[in-house]
Amino acid sequence: MFSYSAWADCPKVGTTYTCVSGSTETQISNAIAAASDGDTIHINAGTYNWGNNGLTINTAESNLTIEGDGVGNTVVNSGGFYVYMTDNIRITGFEFNISNSVVVNSVNGYLEAAILFEGCHDFRFDHNEVDKDEWAAPLGGIYAIGDYATGKDSYGLIDNNTLINCRILSWGGWGGAPGSNDRWYDYGDSRGTKYNVFAEDNIVTVEAGTPGYPGYHCDEDGRVLCNFMDANVGGGYVARFNTITNSYFEHHPGSASNGRGTRNTEIYENTLALTATFIGGFSRQFYFHGAGSGVVFENHSSQNFNNPGIHLDYNPDNDTRRNQCLAGGNSLDGNENVGLYKGYPCLDQLGVNHDNTLMSGSTNPGQVKQPFYSWNNDQPNGELLWEPNRDGLFGVIYIEDRDFYATESSCTGTQTSGVCVGTWASRPTVCTEGVGYWATDMGEWNSNSAGNDGALYVCNDSNTYVLNYTPYTYPHPLRGEAEVVPANAIQGVTIN
């Protein structure tokens, strides 16, 4: 069946529009607008310049594929993609050479990004190259954000890309958008689910800089290397099986200016390398500003970073909120009058998971407690430890074995702290409430490896290890490479 579109530069045969080399932004946009569910818009090899606003995709149709001829063939030298309120879309086979952050217009303003997904569910961005000549702070790269007007969030998959001087950011909303409240309420416990921005099997590099700037920088004096992934405003991400050079992971809390904090962070099975020297010799693997819950496990650095560890901070922009929580009585907080922080748990602090009610105004939504768990993260000279980024954090704002649990080496007989690792049969016989146990022979989630792959159990108040977390199916189902395999894990086993 032959069907010819009204636009000669993008004729349609079957379910595929083929845009000839040199097609204009308008011609390609017209083909996208004319497409039906399941159609493919193929953009032939050539060099394209779409301008700072990028090529906009805003359609009610779903299951669209926007396809280039592959990296090195279909090359975009200016402009990117702005995808608005479009679900189940795939962008694949492009090379983006972006000299600096591209200003991509949003319906409600603008953000600087090469690729912007706003209010998009189940998107996929794969087998592309994004090469930014420099890492431009504070924004840039690939954004997945919630729509300001409707609160609809974005989640999906970014996989098998080459990303150079480019980062990925997940925001539930932006500019204080109501979507951040929706993100904290929707989906219940979002750990181990598809309702996050996934980055898997990407090759990520921050290049060494020019003389005088030994590395690209996130602040003006170039002291620190730049993050690969970041989140805020109710966002959440899963980073797994990536190869990362000269970069690190980060998340942010909420503040008066940007709404709620990061909700969920899952980072595992990544390889990190360090080849550049940064001003002051500063380098690290993780930098968390204390928000939400998550897991960090089996991440391995091939070189020794100068400031290794899981660095934990409380954003200085939030000093007002910190002092309010310290004093207690503020309606935003839980106000359990525990320890030095009378307002504990502070709204969105490290160690809370989701809202029991949809937050409205300044009333605490009754947040569910869920500590952060980490285990088996290392570099050649040893295990990566949790590190306070300034004085007065540990034991006051954040309490180990309450808000976060780290690798525990003493795991015979009785477990009173941290996270132990071993087979299900070798688990301790007595456990303290809250401690974690990663059972290496439980939980089937990685179809690329034979047998079970591991699952996290947490001790409850009845001396019982109960299933707490199983990673989401890998490879991600949007890749179409594997069936979703149900978790194989024992739940609620009592230890006598």
Protein backbone atom coordinates (compact mmCIF):
# COMPACT_ATOMS: atom_id res chain seq x y z
CA MET A 1 0.00 0.00 0.00
CA PHE A 2 1.58 3.29 -1.10
CA SER A 3 0.52 6.53 0.50
CA TYR A 4 2.18 9.81 -0.49
CA SER A 5 2.04 12.72 1.93
CA ALA A 6 1.25 16.26 0.93
CA TRP A 7 4.87 17.24 1.67
CA ALA A 8 7.18 16.10 -1.11
CA ASP A 9 10.26 16.26 1.12
CA CYS A 10 8.82 13.70 3.56
CA PRO A 11 6.81 11.18 1.53
CA LYS A 12 5.04 8.40 3.41
CA VAL A 13 5.18 4.76 2.45
CA GLY A 14 3.24 2.44 4.73
CA THR A 15 3.80 3.72 8.27
CA THR A 16 7.06 5.58 7.57
CA TYR A 17 7.60 9.19 6.52
CA THR A 18 11.05 9.58 4.98
CA CYS A 19 12.42 13.12 5.06
CA VAL A 20 15.06 13.59 2.39
CA SER A 21 18.43 15.07 3.18
CA GLY A 22 18.14 18.83 3.64
CA SER A 23 14.47 18.81 4.71
CA THR A 24 13.65 21.94 6.67
CA GLU A 25 12.46 22.13 10.24
CA THR A 26 8.99 23.06 8.96
CA GLN A 27 8.83 20.11 6.55
CA ILE A 28 9.84 17.65 9.26
CA SER A 29 7.39 19.23 11.71
CA ASN A 30 4.58 18.87 9.20
CA ALA A 31 5.32 15.17 8.82
CA ILE A 32 5.26 14.73 12.59
CA ALA A 33 1.95 16.60 12.82
CA ALA A 34 0.43 14.38 10.11
CA ALA A 35 1.64 11.11 11.66
CA SER A 36 -0.68 8.57 13.24
CA ASP A 37 -0.13 6.24 16.18
CA GLY A 38 2.77 3.90 15.51
CA ASP A 39 4.26 5.86 12.60
CA THR A 40 7.98 6.45 12.05
CA ILE A 41 9.49 9.71 10.80
CA HIS A 42 12.86 8.83 9.30
CA ILE A 43 15.27 11.73 8.68
CA ASN A 44 17.88 10.88 6.09
CA ALA A 45 21.59 11.48 6.47
CA GLY A 46 22.60 15.11 6.27
CA THR A 47 23.47 18.14 8.37
CA TYR A 48 20.59 20.02 10.01
CA ASN A 49 20.41 23.40 11.74
CA TRP A 50 17.13 23.92 13.59
CA GLY A 51 18.02 27.08 15.48
CA ASN A 52 17.99 27.73 19.20
CA ASN A 53 14.36 26.80 19.73
CA GLY A 54 14.85 23.30 18.38
CA LEU A 55 12.33 21.08 16.64
CA THR A 56 9.06 20.90 18.58
CA ILE A 57 7.04 17.71 18.91
CA ASN A 58 3.59 18.29 20.39
CA THR A 59 1.08 15.68 19.33
CA ALA A 60 -1.67 13.58 20.86
CA GLU A 61 -0.45 10.59 18.85
CA SER A 62 1.66 7.99 20.64
CA ASN A 63 4.18 5.29 19.77
CA LEU A 64 5.93 7.60 17.32
CA THR A 65 9.55 6.98 16.34
CA ILE A 66 11.75 9.87 15.21
CA GLU A 67 14.68 8.17 13.55
CA GLY A 68 17.94 9.35 12.02
CA ASP A 69 20.40 7.41 9.88
CA GLY A 70 22.75 6.96 12.83
CA VAL A 71 25.52 8.81 14.62
CA GLY A 72 27.84 10.43 12.08
CA ASN A 73 25.14 10.42 9.41
CA THR A 74 22.14 12.45 10.59
CA VAL A 75 23.88 15.34 12.31
CA VAL A 76 22.15 18.23 14.08
CA ASN A 77 24.52 21.17 14.53
CA SER A 78 22.11 23.58 16.18
CA GLY A 79 18.83 23.04 17.93
CA GLY A 80 17.58 19.84 19.48
CA PHE A 81 14.17 18.35 20.26
CA TYR A 82 11.49 19.81 22.48
CA VAL A 83 8.91 17.09 23.16
CA TYR A 84 5.74 18.31 24.87
CA MET A 85 2.95 16.13 26.32
CA THR A 86 3.71 13.26 23.93
CA ASP A 87 3.79 9.71 25.29
CA ASN A 88 5.57 6.59 24.06
CA ILE A 89 7.89 8.49 21.75
CA ARG A 90 11.30 7.25 20.66
CA ILE A 91 14.18 9.39 19.36
CA THR A 92 17.08 7.38 17.93
CA GLY A 93 19.96 7.53 15.47
CA PHE A 94 21.07 11.20 15.71
CA GLU A 95 24.28 13.07 16.40
CA PHE A 96 23.81 16.39 18.20
CA ASN A 97 26.78 18.77 18.10
CA ILE A 98 25.75 21.49 20.50
CA SER A 99 28.23 24.34 20.98
CA ASN A 100 26.50 25.44 24.17
CA SER A 101 23.17 25.02 25.91
CA VAL A 102 20.33 25.29 23.43
CA VAL A 103 17.42 27.49 24.48
CA VAL A 104 14.40 25.26 23.98
CA ASN A 105 11.12 27.08 24.43
CA SER A 106 8.61 25.60 26.82
CA VAL A 107 4.91 26.35 26.82
CA ASN A 108 5.41 28.19 30.10
CA GLY A 109 8.83 29.75 29.57
CA TYR A 110 12.13 28.21 28.56
CA LEU A 111 14.86 25.95 29.78
CA GLU A 112 18.35 25.49 28.40
CA ALA A 113 18.69 21.96 27.05
CA ALA A 114 19.70 20.01 23.98
CA ILE A 115 16.76 17.62 24.47
CA LEU A 116 13.69 18.47 26.55
CA PHE A 117 10.87 16.09 27.46
CA GLU A 118 8.02 17.90 29.23
CA GLY A 119 5.01 15.95 30.47
CA CYS A 120 6.01 12.78 28.58
CA HIS A 121 5.43 9.22 29.73
CA ASP A 122 7.40 6.19 28.54
CA PHE A 123 9.75 8.16 26.29
CA ARG A 124 12.92 6.59 24.92
CA PHE A 125 16.09 8.39 23.79
CA ASP A 126 18.62 5.85 22.54
CA HIS A 127 21.62 5.22 20.30
CA ASN A 128 22.38 8.93 19.87
CA GLU A 129 25.42 11.07 20.51
CA VAL A 130 25.13 14.40 22.29
CA ASP A 131 28.39 16.33 22.15
CA LYS A 132 28.49 19.70 23.85
CA ASP A 133 31.67 21.68 23.19
CA GLU A 134 31.64 22.70 26.81
CA TRP A 135 29.72 21.80 29.93
CA ALA A 136 27.60 24.90 30.41
CA ALA A 137 26.44 25.56 33.95
CA PRO A 138 23.97 25.60 35.45
CA LEU A 139 21.82 23.83 32.88
CA GLY A 140 22.23 21.84 29.71
CA GLY A 141 21.96 18.39 28.22
CA ILE A 142 18.85 16.21 28.48
CA TYR A 143 15.94 17.37 30.61
CA ALA A 144 12.89 15.35 31.68
CA ILE A 145 10.47 17.59 33.56
CA GLY A 146 6.84 17.84 34.60
CA ASP A 147 4.46 20.17 32.84
CA TYR A 148 3.90 23.33 34.83
CA ALA A 149 0.24 23.80 33.92
CA THR A 150 -1.11 20.26 34.37
CA GLY A 151 1.40 18.69 36.75
CA LYS A 152 1.91 15.75 34.38
CA ASP A 153 5.39 14.34 35.00
CA SER A 154 7.97 12.78 32.71
CA TYR A 155 9.48 9.33 32.97
CA GLY A 156 11.19 7.05 30.50
CA LEU A 157 14.50 5.68 29.29
CA ILE A 158 17.80 7.16 28.09
CA ASP A 159 19.99 4.29 26.94
CA ASN A 160 22.95 3.32 24.78
CA ASN A 161 23.97 6.90 24.03
CA THR A 162 27.36 8.58 23.93
CA LEU A 163 27.13 11.73 26.05
CA ILE A 164 30.01 14.20 26.00
CA ASN A 165 29.97 17.18 28.38
CA CYS A 166 26.26 16.51 28.78
CA ARG A 167 24.17 15.73 31.82
CA ILE A 168 20.67 14.36 32.50
CA LEU A 169 18.21 16.05 34.84
CA SER A 170 14.90 14.87 36.27
CA TRP A 171 12.44 17.44 37.62
CA GLY A 172 8.90 16.62 38.70
CA GLY A 173 7.94 20.18 37.82
CA TRP A 174 9.90 23.39 37.51
CA GLY A 175 9.83 26.92 38.81
CA GLY A 176 7.83 25.80 41.85
CA ALA A 177 5.33 23.93 39.67
CA PRO A 178 2.47 22.05 41.33
CA GLY A 179 3.73 18.93 39.59
CA SER A 180 6.32 18.47 42.34
CA ASN A 181 3.52 17.80 44.85
CA ASP A 182 1.95 15.34 42.43
CA ARG A 183 5.25 13.52 42.03
CA TRP A 184 5.63 13.06 45.79
CA TYR A 185 2.10 11.66 46.04
CA ASP A 186 1.66 9.63 42.83
CA TYR A 187 2.81 6.00 42.47
CA GLY A 188 3.33 5.27 46.19
CA ASP A 189 6.83 3.87 46.69
CA SER A 190 8.41 4.53 43.29
CA ARG A 191 11.61 2.59 43.99
CA GLY A 192 11.93 -0.38 41.66
CA THR A 193 9.21 0.90 39.33
CA LYS A 194 9.15 2.47 35.88
CA TYR A 195 8.09 5.87 37.23
CA ASN A 196 11.57 7.38 37.10
CA VAL A 197 14.00 8.69 34.51
CA PHE A 198 16.26 5.75 33.64
CA ALA A 199 19.80 6.08 32.31
CA GLU A 200 21.34 2.76 31.42
CA ASP A 201 24.24 1.54 29.30
CA ASN A 202 25.39 5.03 28.31
CA ILE A 203 29.01 6.07 27.77
CA VAL A 204 29.51 9.40 29.54
CA THR A 205 32.57 11.65 29.36
CA VAL A 206 33.40 15.10 30.67
CA GLU A 207 36.44 16.12 28.66
CA ALA A 208 39.63 17.61 30.02
CA GLY A 209 39.63 21.37 29.64
CA THR A 210 41.87 23.99 28.09
CA PRO A 211 45.04 25.33 29.75
CA GLY A 212 44.05 27.23 32.87
CA TYR A 213 40.92 25.12 33.24
CA PRO A 214 42.07 21.51 33.75
CA GLY A 215 38.46 20.34 33.77
CA TYR A 216 35.04 21.62 32.85
CA HIS A 217 33.35 23.21 35.77
CA CYS A 218 30.02 23.58 37.49
CA ASP A 219 30.95 26.75 39.31
CA GLU A 220 32.79 29.80 38.07
CA ASP A 221 36.16 29.03 39.59
CA GLY A 222 36.24 25.48 38.26
CA ARG A 223 36.75 23.76 41.60
CA VAL A 224 34.55 20.75 40.98
CA LEU A 225 33.90 18.29 38.23
CA CYS A 226 30.41 18.17 36.74
CA ASN A 227 27.56 15.82 37.48
CA PHE A 228 26.22 13.24 35.03
CA MET A 229 22.77 13.04 36.66
CA ASP A 230 20.83 15.37 38.92
CA ALA A 231 17.28 15.71 40.19
CA ASN A 232 15.03 18.16 42.02
CA VAL A 233 11.41 19.32 42.41
CA GLY A 234 9.98 15.83 43.01
CA GLY A 235 12.10 14.21 40.31
CA GLY A 236 13.66 10.78 40.54
CA TYR A 237 16.15 8.77 38.54
CA VAL A 238 17.69 5.34 38.11
CA ALA A 239 21.28 5.20 36.82
CA ARG A 240 22.62 1.73 36.07
CA PHE A 241 25.26 -0.01 33.99
CA ASN A 242 26.73 3.26 32.69
CA THR A 243 30.42 3.91 32.01
CA ILE A 244 31.28 7.35 33.35
CA THR A 245 34.50 9.32 33.04
CA ASN A 246 35.20 12.51 34.99
CA SER A 247 31.72 12.92 36.44
CA TYR A 248 29.52 12.03 39.42
CA PHE A 249 25.93 11.71 40.67
CA GLU A 250 23.94 14.35 42.53
CA HIS A 251 20.48 15.23 43.81
CA HIS A 252 18.97 18.34 45.38
CA PRO A 253 16.43 19.23 48.07
CA GLY A 254 13.56 21.63 47.76
CA SER A 255 13.72 25.31 48.64
CA ALA A 256 11.49 28.35 48.67
CA SER A 257 12.38 29.07 45.04
CA ASN A 258 12.05 25.66 43.43
CA GLY A 259 9.44 23.70 45.35
CA ARG A 260 9.92 20.14 46.60
CA GLY A 261 13.07 18.04 46.80
CA THR A 262 14.25 14.94 44.94
CA ARG A 263 12.04 11.98 45.68
CA ASN A 264 13.96 8.90 44.59
CA THR A 265 17.56 8.06 43.60
CA GLU A 266 18.70 4.56 42.56
CA ILE A 267 22.32 4.22 41.44
CA TYR A 268 23.86 0.82 40.84
CA GLU A 269 26.27 -1.21 38.73
CA ASN A 270 28.03 1.83 37.24
CA THR A 271 31.72 2.10 36.44
CA LEU A 272 33.47 5.42 37.13
CA ALA A 273 36.88 6.56 35.91
CA LEU A 274 38.94 9.68 36.54
CA THR A 275 41.34 10.87 33.83
CA ALA A 276 41.35 14.67 34.22
CA THR A 277 42.76 16.87 36.98
CA PHE A 278 40.37 19.44 38.38
CA ILE A 279 41.28 22.72 40.01
CA GLY A 280 42.13 22.08 43.64
CA GLY A 281 42.36 18.35 42.87
CA PHE A 282 38.71 17.99 43.84
CA SER A 283 36.86 14.89 42.68
CA ARG A 284 34.05 12.76 44.12
CA GLN A 285 31.58 10.07 43.08
CA PHE A 286 28.34 11.05 44.86
CA TYR A 287 26.99 14.34 46.25
CA PHE A 288 23.56 14.26 47.85
CA HIS A 289 21.91 17.30 49.39
CA GLY A 290 19.69 15.21 51.59
CA ALA A 291 16.32 14.46 50.01
CA GLY A 292 14.11 11.43 49.58
CA SER A 293 15.01 7.77 49.59
CA GLY A 294 16.90 5.36 47.38
CA VAL A 295 19.77 2.93 47.03
CA VAL A 296 23.42 3.13 45.98
CA PHE A 297 25.17 -0.19 45.43
CA GLU A 298 27.84 -1.98 43.42
CA ASN A 299 29.33 1.15 41.86
CA HIS A 300 33.04 0.83 41.20
CA SER A 301 35.69 3.46 40.48
CA SER A 302 38.77 2.34 38.56
CA GLN A 303 40.86 5.25 39.91
CA ASN A 304 41.08 6.81 43.35
CA PHE A 305 39.05 10.02 43.52
CA ASN A 306 40.57 12.71 45.75
CA ASN A 307 37.41 13.26 47.81
CA PRO A 308 35.80 9.84 47.60
CA GLY A 309 32.53 8.82 49.15
CA ILE A 310 28.83 9.47 49.34
CA HIS A 311 28.93 13.13 50.30
CA LEU A 312 25.89 14.28 52.20
CA ASP A 313 24.98 17.94 52.59
CA TYR A 314 22.11 20.18 53.53
CA ASN A 315 21.78 22.87 50.90
CA PRO A 316 22.88 26.21 52.42
CA ASP A 317 20.05 27.86 50.48
CA ASN A 318 17.78 26.02 52.89
CA ASP A 319 19.13 27.45 56.15
CA THR A 320 15.75 29.01 56.90
CA ARG A 321 13.97 25.67 56.54
CA ARG A 322 16.68 23.91 58.52
CA ASN A 323 16.27 26.31 61.42
CA GLN A 324 12.50 25.95 61.30
CA CYS A 325 12.80 22.18 61.52
CA LEU A 326 15.34 22.47 64.32
CA ALA A 327 12.92 24.53 66.41
CA GLY A 328 9.87 22.43 65.55
CA GLY A 329 6.28 23.52 65.27
CA ASN A 330 6.30 24.46 61.57
CA SER A 331 3.31 22.96 59.76
CA LEU A 332 5.50 21.81 56.86
CA ASP A 333 7.32 19.26 59.01
CA GLY A 334 6.44 16.06 60.85
CA ASN A 335 7.12 17.53 64.32
CA GLU A 336 7.74 14.25 66.15
CA ASN A 337 9.96 16.06 68.67
CA VAL A 338 12.79 13.52 68.27
CA GLY A 339 16.34 14.44 69.22
CA LEU A 340 17.78 17.87 68.42
CA TYR A 341 15.50 18.36 65.44
CA LYS A 342 12.09 18.88 67.01
CA GLY A 343 10.45 19.06 63.58
CA TYR A 344 11.71 15.62 62.49
CA PRO A 345 11.06 14.41 59.89
CA CYS A 346 11.70 17.64 58.00
CA LEU A 347 9.70 17.92 54.79
CA ASP A 348 11.37 15.83 52.03
CA GLN A 349 14.47 15.11 54.12
CA LEU A 350 16.77 12.16 53.44
CA GLY A 351 14.96 9.07 54.67
CA VAL A 352 11.39 9.79 53.58
CA ASN A 353 9.79 8.17 50.57
CA HIS A 354 6.41 9.58 49.51
CA ASP A 355 3.41 11.60 50.68
CA ASN A 356 0.37 9.94 52.23
CA THR A 357 -1.86 12.75 51.02
CA LEU A 358 -1.58 15.20 48.15
CA MET A 359 0.08 18.25 49.67
CA SER A 360 -1.81 21.52 49.53
CA GLY A 361 -0.60 24.77 50.99
CA SER A 362 1.85 24.48 53.88
CA THR A 363 0.46 21.42 55.69
CA ASN A 364 2.71 18.39 56.06
CA PRO A 365 1.41 15.55 53.83
CA GLY A 366 2.30 12.78 56.27
CA GLN A 367 5.44 11.41 54.65
CA VAL A 368 6.30 7.71 54.73
CA LYS A 369 9.73 7.01 56.22
CA GLN A 370 12.10 5.01 54.03
CA PRO A 371 15.85 5.20 54.73
CA PHE A 372 18.57 5.37 52.10
CA TYR A 373 20.60 2.14 51.78
CA SER A 374 24.10 1.73 50.32
CA TRP A 375 26.52 -1.17 49.99
CA ASN A 376 29.56 -2.35 48.05
CA ASN A 377 30.65 0.92 46.44
CA ASP A 378 34.41 1.26 46.13
CA GLN A 379 37.57 2.57 44.52
CA PRO A 380 41.00 0.86 44.49
CA ASN A 381 41.94 2.02 47.99
CA GLY A 382 38.72 0.91 49.64
CA GLU A 383 35.00 1.20 50.34
CA LEU A 384 33.22 4.51 49.70
CA LEU A 385 31.85 5.82 52.99
CA TRP A 386 29.14 8.35 53.80
CA GLU A 387 30.84 11.68 54.35
CA PRO A 388 29.36 14.85 55.92
CA ASN A 389 30.07 17.79 53.64
CA ARG A 390 30.21 20.17 56.59
CA ASP A 391 30.19 20.08 60.38
CA GLY A 392 27.00 19.49 62.34
CA LEU A 393 25.27 17.21 59.83
CA PHE A 394 25.70 13.68 61.18
CA GLY A 395 23.99 12.92 64.44
CA VAL A 396 21.93 16.11 64.20
CA ILE A 397 20.26 16.53 60.81
CA TYR A 398 21.02 13.03 59.54
CA ILE A 399 21.38 10.03 61.82
CA GLU A 400 23.08 6.87 60.60
CA ASP A 401 20.97 3.74 61.01
CA ARG A 402 17.87 5.90 60.94
CA ASP A 403 18.04 8.05 57.81
CA PHE A 404 20.74 6.08 55.98
CA TYR A 405 22.40 2.69 56.27
CA ALA A 406 25.91 1.89 55.02
CA THR A 407 27.88 -1.29 54.31
CA GLU A 408 28.31 -3.36 57.47
CA SER A 409 31.24 -5.77 57.83
CA SER A 410 30.10 -7.51 61.02
CA CYS A 411 27.37 -9.79 59.73
CA THR A 412 27.69 -13.03 61.70
CA GLY A 413 24.99 -14.01 64.15
CA THR A 414 23.52 -10.62 65.02
CA GLN A 415 23.09 -7.58 62.75
CA THR A 416 22.65 -4.30 64.61
CA SER A 417 23.55 -1.74 61.95
CA GLY A 418 24.10 -1.04 58.27
CA VAL A 419 23.63 -3.33 55.28
CA CYS A 420 24.99 -6.88 55.17
CA VAL A 421 25.52 -8.83 51.94
CA GLY A 422 25.35 -12.57 51.40
CA THR A 423 23.19 -15.50 50.45
CA TRP A 424 19.77 -15.87 51.97
CA ALA A 425 20.89 -18.90 53.95
CA SER A 426 23.83 -17.01 55.50
CA ARG A 427 21.78 -14.08 56.81
CA PRO A 428 22.21 -13.17 60.50
CA THR A 429 20.01 -14.99 62.98
CA VAL A 430 19.10 -11.85 64.93
CA CYS A 431 18.50 -8.40 63.47
CA THR A 432 17.74 -4.89 64.70
CA GLU A 433 14.77 -3.08 63.19
CA GLY A 434 15.71 -1.09 60.08
CA VAL A 435 18.97 -2.83 59.15
CA GLY A 436 19.28 -4.06 55.56
CA TYR A 437 20.33 -7.37 54.05
CA TRP A 438 21.11 -7.71 50.33
CA ALA A 439 20.41 -11.35 49.54
CA THR A 440 22.54 -12.13 46.50
CA ASP A 441 20.57 -15.25 45.53
CA MET A 442 17.10 -13.71 45.66
CA GLY A 443 15.26 -11.37 43.26
CA GLU A 444 15.22 -12.05 39.51
CA TRP A 445 15.48 -8.73 37.65
CA ASN A 446 18.52 -8.84 35.32
CA SER A 447 17.78 -10.98 32.28
CA ASN A 448 21.40 -10.60 31.10
CA SER A 449 22.63 -12.80 33.93
CA ALA A 450 21.61 -16.33 34.82
CA GLY A 451 19.78 -16.99 38.07
CA ASN A 452 18.68 -14.56 40.72
CA ASP A 453 20.33 -11.14 40.94
CA GLY A 454 19.77 -9.83 44.46
CA ALA A 455 17.06 -8.18 46.52
CA LEU A 456 17.09 -5.95 49.60
CA TYR A 457 15.43 -7.15 52.78
CA VAL A 458 14.93 -4.95 55.84
CA CYS A 459 14.46 -6.15 59.41
CA ASN A 460 11.11 -5.23 60.95
CA ASP A 461 10.18 -4.94 64.63
CA SER A 462 9.49 -8.69 64.87
CA ASN A 463 13.05 -9.81 64.11
CA THR A 464 11.98 -10.55 60.56
CA TYR A 465 13.76 -9.73 57.30
CA VAL A 466 11.04 -8.54 54.91
CA LEU A 467 11.44 -7.79 51.21
CA ASN A 468 11.97 -4.04 50.85
CA TYR A 469 13.31 -3.44 47.34
CA THR A 470 13.95 -5.22 44.05
CA PRO A 471 15.43 -3.26 41.12
CA TYR A 472 13.26 -2.68 38.08
CA THR A 473 13.57 -5.08 35.16
CA TYR A 474 16.86 -4.83 33.24
CA PRO A 475 17.17 -4.28 30.33
CA HIS A 476 14.32 -1.77 30.61
CA PRO A 477 11.20 -3.15 28.86
CA LEU A 478 11.12 -0.11 26.52
CA ARG A 479 14.22 -1.59 24.87
CA GLY A 480 12.16 -4.59 23.78
CA GLU A 481 15.03 -6.94 24.61
CA ALA A 482 13.53 -8.99 27.41
CA GLU A 483 10.27 -9.92 29.01
CA VAL A 484 9.37 -8.51 32.40
CA VAL A 485 10.34 -11.27 34.82
CA PRO A 486 8.44 -11.35 38.11
CA ALA A 487 10.52 -11.00 41.25
CA ASN A 488 11.42 -14.30 42.89
CA ALA A 489 11.86 -13.42 46.51
CA ILE A 490 10.80 -14.74 49.86
CA GLN A 491 8.80 -12.22 51.88
CA GLY A 492 8.20 -11.97 55.60
CA VAL A 493 10.47 -14.80 56.78
CA THR A 494 10.75 -14.90 60.57
CA ILE A 495 14.18 -15.53 62.06
CA ASN A 496 14.05 -17.75 65.11
